[in-house]
Protein backbone atom coordinates (compact mmCIF):
# COMPACT_ATOMS: atom_id res chain seq x y z
CA MET A 1 18.00 44.29 114.36
CA ARG A 2 17.11 43.37 117.96
CA ARG A 3 17.25 47.05 118.96
CA PHE A 4 14.93 47.95 116.11
CA ILE A 5 12.41 45.30 117.13
CA ILE A 6 12.41 46.46 120.76
CA LEU A 7 11.94 50.06 119.67
CA LEU A 8 9.12 49.07 117.33
CA ILE A 9 7.36 47.21 120.12
CA MET A 10 7.79 50.18 122.44
CA LEU A 11 6.41 52.63 119.91
CA VAL A 12 3.53 50.58 118.54
CA PHE A 13 2.24 48.40 121.33
CA LEU A 14 3.17 50.23 124.52
CA PRO A 15 2.20 53.87 124.13
CA LEU A 16 3.43 56.45 126.58
CA THR A 17 1.24 56.86 129.58
CA ALA A 18 0.05 60.45 129.51
CA ALA A 19 2.06 62.77 131.66
CA ARG A 20 0.64 65.91 133.10
CA ALA A 21 1.11 68.71 130.60
CA ASP A 22 2.28 71.17 133.27
CA THR A 23 5.23 69.14 134.53
CA SER A 24 8.48 67.58 133.37
CA ILE A 25 8.10 64.67 135.78
CA PHE A 26 6.66 61.41 134.48
CA SER A 27 3.67 60.26 136.48
CA GLU A 28 0.95 57.82 135.81
CA SER A 29 -2.63 59.04 135.53
CA SER A 30 -2.82 58.85 139.34
CA GLY A 31 -0.37 61.73 139.57
CA VAL A 32 2.18 59.69 141.55
CA ALA A 33 5.84 59.94 140.53
CA ILE A 34 7.82 56.86 139.43
CA GLY A 35 5.00 54.40 140.02
CA GLY A 36 4.81 55.20 143.73
CA TYR A 37 8.35 53.99 144.46
CA ASP A 38 10.52 55.83 147.00
CA THR A 39 13.22 57.60 145.01
CA VAL A 40 15.40 58.01 148.13
CA ALA A 41 15.37 54.25 148.75
CA TYR A 42 17.35 53.63 145.55
CA PHE A 43 20.22 55.56 147.14
CA LYS A 44 19.84 54.50 150.77
CA ALA A 45 18.62 50.88 150.50
CA GLY A 46 20.14 50.14 147.09
CA HIS A 47 16.93 48.85 145.56
CA PRO A 48 13.39 50.04 144.72
CA MET A 49 10.86 50.13 147.52
CA PRO A 50 7.19 51.07 147.23
CA GLY A 51 6.40 54.25 149.14
CA GLN A 52 3.43 54.85 151.43
CA ARG A 53 0.83 57.60 151.25
CA ASP A 54 1.56 58.36 154.92
CA PHE A 55 4.95 59.76 153.79
CA ALA A 56 4.03 61.80 150.72
CA VAL A 57 5.14 65.15 149.41
CA MET A 58 4.11 67.23 146.37
CA TRP A 59 6.95 68.37 144.13
CA LYS A 60 6.88 69.56 140.51
CA GLY A 61 3.13 68.96 140.32
CA VAL A 62 3.15 65.27 141.26
CA THR A 63 3.04 63.27 144.48
CA TRP A 64 6.17 61.46 145.66
CA LEU A 65 5.80 58.57 148.10
CA PHE A 66 8.41 57.40 150.63
CA VAL A 67 8.89 54.43 152.93
CA SER A 68 9.66 56.58 155.96
CA ASP A 69 9.52 60.10 157.27
CA GLY A 70 13.33 60.18 157.14
CA ASN A 71 13.33 59.49 153.41
CA ARG A 72 10.62 62.08 152.90
CA GLN A 73 12.69 64.65 154.79
CA ALA A 74 15.82 63.78 152.85
CA PHE A 75 13.95 64.34 149.59
CA GLU A 76 12.41 67.61 150.76
CA SER A 77 15.84 68.95 151.80
CA ASN A 78 17.26 68.31 148.32
CA PRO A 79 14.79 66.89 145.77
CA ARG A 80 17.10 67.31 142.79
CA ALA A 81 19.65 64.99 144.44
CA TYR A 82 17.12 62.16 144.54
CA ALA A 83 14.70 62.73 141.68
CA PRO A 84 15.38 60.55 138.66
CA GLN A 85 17.09 62.18 135.73
CA PHE A 86 15.02 63.14 132.67
CA GLY A 87 11.95 63.46 134.91
CA GLY A 88 11.74 59.69 135.38
CA TYR A 89 11.15 59.10 131.69
CA CYS A 90 13.13 56.32 130.00
CA ALA A 91 16.75 57.47 129.73
CA TYR A 92 17.22 55.42 126.56
CA ALA A 93 14.18 57.00 124.84
CA VAL A 94 15.25 60.52 125.87
CA SER A 95 18.72 59.85 124.44
CA ASN A 96 17.03 59.00 121.16
CA GLY A 97 14.80 62.05 121.12
CA TYR A 98 11.41 60.75 122.30
CA LEU A 99 9.56 60.01 125.55
CA MET A 100 8.59 56.66 127.06
CA ASN A 101 7.64 55.94 130.63
CA GLY A 102 10.35 54.79 132.99
CA ASP A 103 10.03 51.49 134.81
CA PRO A 104 10.97 51.77 138.52
CA MET A 105 12.37 48.21 138.32
CA ALA A 106 14.72 49.06 135.41
CA TRP A 107 17.11 51.53 137.03
CA GLU A 108 20.70 52.44 137.68
CA ILE A 109 22.57 55.04 139.67
CA VAL A 110 25.42 56.65 137.72
CA ASP A 111 27.52 59.39 139.32
CA ASN A 112 24.95 59.76 142.14
CA ARG A 113 22.11 60.25 139.64
CA LEU A 114 19.16 57.90 139.24
CA TYR A 115 18.19 56.82 135.72
CA LEU A 116 15.13 54.78 134.80
CA THR A 117 14.62 52.96 131.53
CA PHE A 118 11.50 51.49 129.90
CA SER A 119 12.14 47.83 130.80
CA PRO A 120 14.95 45.47 131.78
CA PRO A 121 15.71 44.56 128.11
CA VAL A 122 15.87 48.23 127.15
CA HIS A 123 18.05 48.84 130.21
CA GLN A 124 20.57 46.31 128.89
CA ILE A 125 20.72 48.15 125.56
CA TRP A 126 21.16 51.47 127.38
CA ARG A 127 24.01 50.06 129.50
CA LYS A 128 26.04 49.10 126.42
CA ASP A 129 26.72 52.80 125.80
CA ARG A 130 25.53 54.28 129.09
CA ASP A 131 27.78 57.34 129.03
CA GLY A 132 26.93 58.07 125.41
CA HIS A 133 23.19 57.72 126.09
CA ILE A 134 23.47 59.98 129.14
CA ALA A 135 25.28 62.64 127.09
CA LYS A 136 22.75 62.45 124.24
CA GLY A 137 19.90 62.54 126.77
CA GLN A 138 21.30 65.64 128.39
CA GLY A 139 21.45 67.25 124.94
CA ASN A 140 17.83 66.35 124.26
CA TRP A 141 16.45 67.34 127.67
CA PRO A 142 14.12 69.21 128.16
CA VAL A 143 13.52 69.93 124.44
CA VAL A 144 12.19 66.38 124.00
CA LEU A 145 9.22 67.35 126.21
CA ARG A 146 7.89 69.53 123.37
CA ASN A 147 7.92 66.78 120.76
């Protein structure tokens, strides 16, 4: 019942922020990936850190911000190693066949891959069957982008 209520709230009251139609990366209307957080910092610092426009790069049609030139260079050398899975959309939503924005504060690294979820409460639901949700999400991605 709790899961149903959370899903209902997500679908009714918190609509998906529009993503650019030409990309599979979630970005807010500003065109900045994952809310402006440095995706490399999750791996190197172990926590989210807001990036700076001084260290920006364009990839997949959106701007990615970093805390340092070193993080920017690491991303540029292998963006797929650092970019969040499912384009930064909520991993729980993708596993269930729909799109919701990912919250940079609700995250987890699993097998050297970054996953974002919609919110901390949704993240807790996702973690209860993390491997199952990842597998279902991989089966739904990128087809879910067309829904």
